[in-house]
Amino acid sequence: MTWDESAITRLRELSVLGIPMSRIAAAFGVTKNAVAGARLRHGIYTTPPRRPPLPEAPSVPAQNECRYILDEGPWKGRLPQWCRASTLPGSVYCPQHHARCYATKFR
């Protein structure tokens, strides 16, 4: 296929609308690679959608703050939220989370 001026104009319009290259290729009766090459040769670039910025990352707990991870808040599944209560001596957890994380031995 020769990419004449009307085809380039239509290609530009479809690309700006966000139509996938496979559907553009089907409309022109060419392969997806032919559409990709034409877009590259004629400077038709599309920008990916922008994601909203994430809130500022939480700070790491201090030495005497509980490091038990709570999976809550806007960072759920991405960055940890910590308990931050006072820790037991010799542990990185508060009494409640230390009991939850460490089982006692039964005799």
N, C-alpha and C. Protein backbone atom coordinates (compact mmCIF):
# COMPACT_ATOMS: atom_id res chain seq x y z
N MET A 1 0.84 -1.18 0.00
CA MET A 1 0.00 0.00 0.00
C MET A 1 0.88 1.23 0.00
N THR A 2 0.51 2.21 -0.76
CA THR A 2 1.20 3.49 -0.72
C THR A 2 0.45 4.41 0.23
N TRP A 3 1.18 5.04 1.08
CA TRP A 3 0.58 5.93 2.07
C TRP A 3 0.50 7.34 1.49
N ASP A 4 -0.60 7.61 0.79
CA ASP A 4 -0.79 8.95 0.23
C ASP A 4 -1.25 9.91 1.33
N GLU A 5 -1.43 11.15 0.94
CA GLU A 5 -1.75 12.20 1.92
C GLU A 5 -3.07 11.94 2.64
N SER A 6 -4.09 11.45 1.94
CA SER A 6 -5.39 11.20 2.58
C SER A 6 -5.29 10.02 3.57
N ALA A 7 -4.48 8.99 3.22
CA ALA A 7 -4.30 7.86 4.13
C ALA A 7 -3.53 8.29 5.38
N ILE A 8 -2.53 9.14 5.20
CA ILE A 8 -1.77 9.64 6.35
C ILE A 8 -2.66 10.48 7.25
N THR A 9 -3.50 11.31 6.67
CA THR A 9 -4.42 12.13 7.46
C THR A 9 -5.37 11.24 8.26
N ARG A 10 -5.90 10.21 7.62
CA ARG A 10 -6.82 9.29 8.32
C ARG A 10 -6.07 8.51 9.39
N LEU A 11 -4.85 8.09 9.10
CA LEU A 11 -4.03 7.38 10.08
C LEU A 11 -3.78 8.27 11.30
N ARG A 12 -3.49 9.53 11.06
CA ARG A 12 -3.25 10.48 12.16
C ARG A 12 -4.53 10.64 13.01
N GLU A 13 -5.68 10.76 12.36
CA GLU A 13 -6.95 10.91 13.08
C GLU A 13 -7.26 9.69 13.94
N LEU A 14 -7.09 8.51 13.38
CA LEU A 14 -7.37 7.28 14.13
C LEU A 14 -6.40 7.10 15.29
N SER A 15 -5.14 7.48 15.07
CA SER A 15 -4.14 7.35 16.14
C SER A 15 -4.44 8.29 17.29
N VAL A 16 -4.86 9.52 16.98
CA VAL A 16 -5.18 10.49 18.03
C VAL A 16 -6.38 10.02 18.84
N LEU A 17 -7.32 9.34 18.20
CA LEU A 17 -8.49 8.82 18.91
C LEU A 17 -8.15 7.64 19.82
N GLY A 18 -6.94 7.10 19.69
CA GLY A 18 -6.52 5.98 20.54
C GLY A 18 -6.95 4.62 20.02
N ILE A 19 -7.28 4.54 18.73
CA ILE A 19 -7.67 3.26 18.13
C ILE A 19 -6.44 2.36 18.08
N PRO A 20 -6.54 1.10 18.51
CA PRO A 20 -5.38 0.20 18.46
C PRO A 20 -4.88 -0.01 17.03
N MET A 21 -3.58 -0.25 16.92
CA MET A 21 -2.98 -0.43 15.60
C MET A 21 -3.57 -1.61 14.85
N SER A 22 -3.98 -2.65 15.56
CA SER A 22 -4.57 -3.81 14.89
C SER A 22 -5.89 -3.45 14.20
N ARG A 23 -6.69 -2.59 14.84
CA ARG A 23 -7.95 -2.18 14.22
C ARG A 23 -7.71 -1.21 13.07
N ILE A 24 -6.70 -0.34 13.19
CA ILE A 24 -6.34 0.57 12.09
C ILE A 24 -5.87 -0.25 10.90
N ALA A 25 -5.06 -1.28 11.18
CA ALA A 25 -4.55 -2.14 10.11
C ALA A 25 -5.69 -2.84 9.39
N ALA A 26 -6.68 -3.31 10.15
CA ALA A 26 -7.83 -3.97 9.53
C ALA A 26 -8.62 -2.99 8.66
N ALA A 27 -8.74 -1.74 9.08
CA ALA A 27 -9.47 -0.74 8.30
C ALA A 27 -8.76 -0.43 6.99
N PHE A 28 -7.42 -0.41 7.01
CA PHE A 28 -6.65 -0.12 5.80
C PHE A 28 -6.37 -1.37 4.97
N GLY A 29 -6.58 -2.56 5.55
CA GLY A 29 -6.30 -3.80 4.83
C GLY A 29 -4.81 -4.10 4.76
N VAL A 30 -4.06 -3.71 5.80
CA VAL A 30 -2.62 -3.96 5.86
C VAL A 30 -2.30 -4.63 7.19
N THR A 31 -1.04 -4.93 7.42
CA THR A 31 -0.64 -5.54 8.68
C THR A 31 -0.41 -4.47 9.75
N LYS A 32 -0.37 -4.92 10.98
CA LYS A 32 -0.12 -4.01 12.10
C LYS A 32 1.28 -3.40 11.98
N ASN A 33 2.24 -4.17 11.49
CA ASN A 33 3.60 -3.66 11.31
C ASN A 33 3.66 -2.57 10.24
N ALA A 34 2.82 -2.68 9.22
CA ALA A 34 2.77 -1.64 8.19
C ALA A 34 2.26 -0.33 8.79
N VAL A 35 1.27 -0.43 9.67
CA VAL A 35 0.74 0.76 10.34
C VAL A 35 1.80 1.35 11.27
N ALA A 36 2.48 0.49 12.00
CA ALA A 36 3.53 0.97 12.92
C ALA A 36 4.64 1.68 12.14
N GLY A 37 5.04 1.11 11.02
CA GLY A 37 6.08 1.73 10.20
C GLY A 37 5.63 3.07 9.63
N ALA A 38 4.39 3.14 9.17
CA ALA A 38 3.88 4.40 8.62
C ALA A 38 3.81 5.47 9.70
N ARG A 39 3.37 5.08 10.89
CA ARG A 39 3.33 6.05 11.99
C ARG A 39 4.73 6.56 12.33
N LEU A 40 5.69 5.66 12.32
CA LEU A 40 7.07 6.06 12.64
C LEU A 40 7.65 6.96 11.54
N ARG A 41 7.46 6.59 10.28
CA ARG A 41 8.00 7.38 9.17
C ARG A 41 7.39 8.77 9.08
N HIS A 42 6.12 8.90 9.45
CA HIS A 42 5.43 10.18 9.31
C HIS A 42 5.31 10.95 10.63
N GLY A 43 5.99 10.46 11.67
CA GLY A 43 6.03 11.20 12.93
C GLY A 43 4.71 11.25 13.66
N ILE A 44 3.94 10.19 13.58
CA ILE A 44 2.66 10.14 14.28
C ILE A 44 2.90 9.37 15.58
N TYR A 45 3.04 10.11 16.66
CA TYR A 45 3.33 9.51 17.95
C TYR A 45 2.13 9.69 18.87
N THR A 46 1.86 8.68 19.64
CA THR A 46 0.81 8.81 20.65
C THR A 46 1.47 8.71 22.01
N THR A 47 0.97 9.47 22.94
CA THR A 47 1.52 9.42 24.29
C THR A 47 0.66 8.51 25.14
N PRO A 48 1.29 7.72 26.01
CA PRO A 48 0.50 6.86 26.88
C PRO A 48 -0.30 7.70 27.88
N PRO A 49 -1.42 7.18 28.36
CA PRO A 49 -2.20 7.95 29.33
C PRO A 49 -1.40 8.16 30.61
N ARG A 50 -1.54 9.32 31.19
CA ARG A 50 -0.80 9.64 32.40
C ARG A 50 -1.53 9.11 33.62
N ARG A 51 -0.76 8.53 34.53
CA ARG A 51 -1.32 8.05 35.79
C ARG A 51 -1.29 9.19 36.80
N PRO A 52 -2.27 9.24 37.68
CA PRO A 52 -2.22 10.27 38.71
C PRO A 52 -1.05 10.02 39.64
N PRO A 53 -0.41 11.07 40.13
CA PRO A 53 0.75 10.87 41.01
C PRO A 53 0.32 10.23 42.33
N LEU A 54 1.20 9.40 42.86
CA LEU A 54 0.94 8.75 44.15
C LEU A 54 1.25 9.71 45.29
N PRO A 55 0.58 9.55 46.42
CA PRO A 55 0.94 10.38 47.56
C PRO A 55 2.37 10.05 48.03
N GLU A 56 2.92 10.91 48.85
CA GLU A 56 4.29 10.72 49.31
C GLU A 56 4.43 9.41 50.08
N ALA A 57 5.54 8.72 49.87
CA ALA A 57 5.78 7.43 50.50
C ALA A 57 5.91 7.57 52.02
N PRO A 58 5.43 6.57 52.77
CA PRO A 58 5.56 6.65 54.22
C PRO A 58 7.02 6.48 54.65
N SER A 59 7.37 7.10 55.76
CA SER A 59 8.73 6.98 56.25
C SER A 59 8.91 5.65 56.98
N VAL A 60 10.14 5.19 57.07
CA VAL A 60 10.47 3.93 57.73
C VAL A 60 10.38 4.14 59.25
N PRO A 61 9.85 3.15 60.00
CA PRO A 61 9.74 3.32 61.45
C PRO A 61 11.10 3.47 62.12
N ALA A 62 11.09 4.16 63.25
CA ALA A 62 12.32 4.34 64.04
C ALA A 62 12.70 3.01 64.69
N GLN A 63 13.84 2.99 65.35
CA GLN A 63 14.38 1.76 65.96
C GLN A 63 13.43 1.18 67.00
N ASN A 64 12.72 2.01 67.76
CA ASN A 64 11.87 1.51 68.84
C ASN A 64 10.39 1.50 68.46
N GLU A 65 10.07 1.54 67.16
CA GLU A 65 8.68 1.50 66.70
C GLU A 65 8.39 0.16 66.04
N CYS A 66 7.18 -0.34 66.24
CA CYS A 66 6.76 -1.64 65.71
C CYS A 66 6.81 -1.62 64.18
N ARG A 67 7.38 -2.67 63.62
CA ARG A 67 7.52 -2.78 62.17
C ARG A 67 6.52 -3.75 61.56
N TYR A 68 5.45 -4.05 62.27
CA TYR A 68 4.40 -4.92 61.74
C TYR A 68 3.70 -4.17 60.60
N ILE A 69 3.58 -4.81 59.45
CA ILE A 69 3.02 -4.14 58.27
C ILE A 69 1.50 -4.27 58.28
N LEU A 70 0.85 -3.12 58.21
CA LEU A 70 -0.61 -3.06 58.09
C LEU A 70 -0.91 -2.76 56.63
N ASP A 71 -1.69 -3.58 55.99
CA ASP A 71 -1.98 -3.36 54.57
C ASP A 71 -3.25 -2.54 54.44
N GLU A 72 -3.15 -1.27 54.80
CA GLU A 72 -4.28 -0.37 54.75
C GLU A 72 -3.84 0.96 54.14
N GLY A 73 -4.78 1.81 53.85
CA GLY A 73 -4.47 3.15 53.38
C GLY A 73 -4.27 3.24 51.89
N PRO A 74 -3.86 4.42 51.40
CA PRO A 74 -3.73 4.62 49.95
C PRO A 74 -2.60 3.81 49.33
N TRP A 75 -1.69 3.29 50.14
CA TRP A 75 -0.57 2.51 49.61
C TRP A 75 -0.87 1.02 49.60
N LYS A 76 -2.12 0.62 49.89
CA LYS A 76 -2.47 -0.80 50.01
C LYS A 76 -1.94 -1.60 48.82
N GLY A 77 -1.13 -2.61 49.13
CA GLY A 77 -0.58 -3.47 48.10
C GLY A 77 0.63 -2.91 47.39
N ARG A 78 1.03 -1.68 47.66
CA ARG A 78 2.17 -1.07 46.97
C ARG A 78 3.33 -0.82 47.92
N LEU A 79 3.10 -0.07 48.97
CA LEU A 79 4.13 0.22 49.96
C LEU A 79 3.54 -0.01 51.35
N PRO A 80 4.36 -0.40 52.31
CA PRO A 80 3.83 -0.76 53.61
C PRO A 80 3.43 0.42 54.49
N GLN A 81 2.46 0.16 55.35
CA GLN A 81 2.12 1.04 56.46
C GLN A 81 2.48 0.24 57.70
N TRP A 82 3.18 0.85 58.64
CA TRP A 82 3.62 0.14 59.82
C TRP A 82 2.77 0.49 61.03
N CYS A 83 2.76 -0.41 62.03
CA CYS A 83 2.01 -0.21 63.27
C CYS A 83 2.58 0.98 64.05
N ARG A 84 3.89 1.04 64.24
CA ARG A 84 4.63 2.13 64.89
C ARG A 84 4.39 2.27 66.39
N ALA A 85 3.79 1.28 67.04
CA ALA A 85 3.66 1.31 68.50
C ALA A 85 5.02 1.00 69.12
N SER A 86 5.17 1.22 70.43
CA SER A 86 6.45 0.94 71.11
C SER A 86 6.73 -0.57 71.10
N THR A 87 7.98 -0.93 70.88
CA THR A 87 8.36 -2.33 70.75
C THR A 87 8.71 -2.96 72.09
N LEU A 88 8.69 -4.29 72.11
CA LEU A 88 9.18 -5.06 73.25
C LEU A 88 10.71 -5.03 73.21
N PRO A 89 11.39 -5.11 74.35
CA PRO A 89 12.85 -5.19 74.32
C PRO A 89 13.31 -6.45 73.56
N GLY A 90 14.22 -6.28 72.63
CA GLY A 90 14.75 -7.39 71.86
C GLY A 90 13.87 -7.85 70.71
N SER A 91 12.82 -7.11 70.39
CA SER A 91 11.92 -7.48 69.30
C SER A 91 11.69 -6.26 68.41
N VAL A 92 11.27 -6.51 67.19
CA VAL A 92 10.93 -5.40 66.29
C VAL A 92 9.43 -5.13 66.29
N TYR A 93 8.68 -5.88 67.14
CA TYR A 93 7.23 -5.75 67.19
C TYR A 93 6.76 -5.28 68.56
N CYS A 94 5.56 -4.68 68.57
CA CYS A 94 4.90 -4.32 69.82
C CYS A 94 4.40 -5.61 70.48
N PRO A 95 3.97 -5.58 71.75
CA PRO A 95 3.53 -6.81 72.41
C PRO A 95 2.42 -7.55 71.65
N GLN A 96 1.45 -6.82 71.12
CA GLN A 96 0.34 -7.46 70.40
C GLN A 96 0.83 -8.19 69.15
N HIS A 97 1.65 -7.55 68.35
CA HIS A 97 2.11 -8.16 67.10
C HIS A 97 3.21 -9.19 67.34
N HIS A 98 3.98 -9.05 68.42
CA HIS A 98 4.97 -10.06 68.76
C HIS A 98 4.26 -11.38 69.08
N ALA A 99 3.17 -11.29 69.85
CA ALA A 99 2.41 -12.50 70.18
C ALA A 99 1.78 -13.10 68.93
N ARG A 100 1.42 -12.28 68.00
CA ARG A 100 0.80 -12.77 66.77
C ARG A 100 1.82 -13.46 65.85
N CYS A 101 3.06 -12.97 65.87
CA CYS A 101 4.08 -13.48 64.94
C CYS A 101 4.90 -14.64 65.49
N TYR A 102 5.03 -14.73 66.79
CA TYR A 102 5.87 -15.77 67.39
C TYR A 102 5.00 -16.68 68.25
N ALA A 103 5.01 -17.97 67.95
CA ALA A 103 4.25 -18.94 68.72
C ALA A 103 5.12 -19.47 69.85
N THR A 104 4.52 -19.77 70.99
CA THR A 104 5.28 -20.33 72.12
C THR A 104 5.34 -21.85 71.94
N LYS A 105 6.41 -22.44 72.44
CA LYS A 105 6.58 -23.89 72.33
C LYS A 105 5.78 -24.59 73.43
N PHE A 106 5.12 -25.64 73.05
CA PHE A 106 4.37 -26.46 74.03
C PHE A 106 5.20 -27.69 74.34
N ARG A 107 5.21 -28.10 75.61
CA ARG A 107 6.00 -29.27 76.01
C ARG A 107 5.12 -30.44 76.30
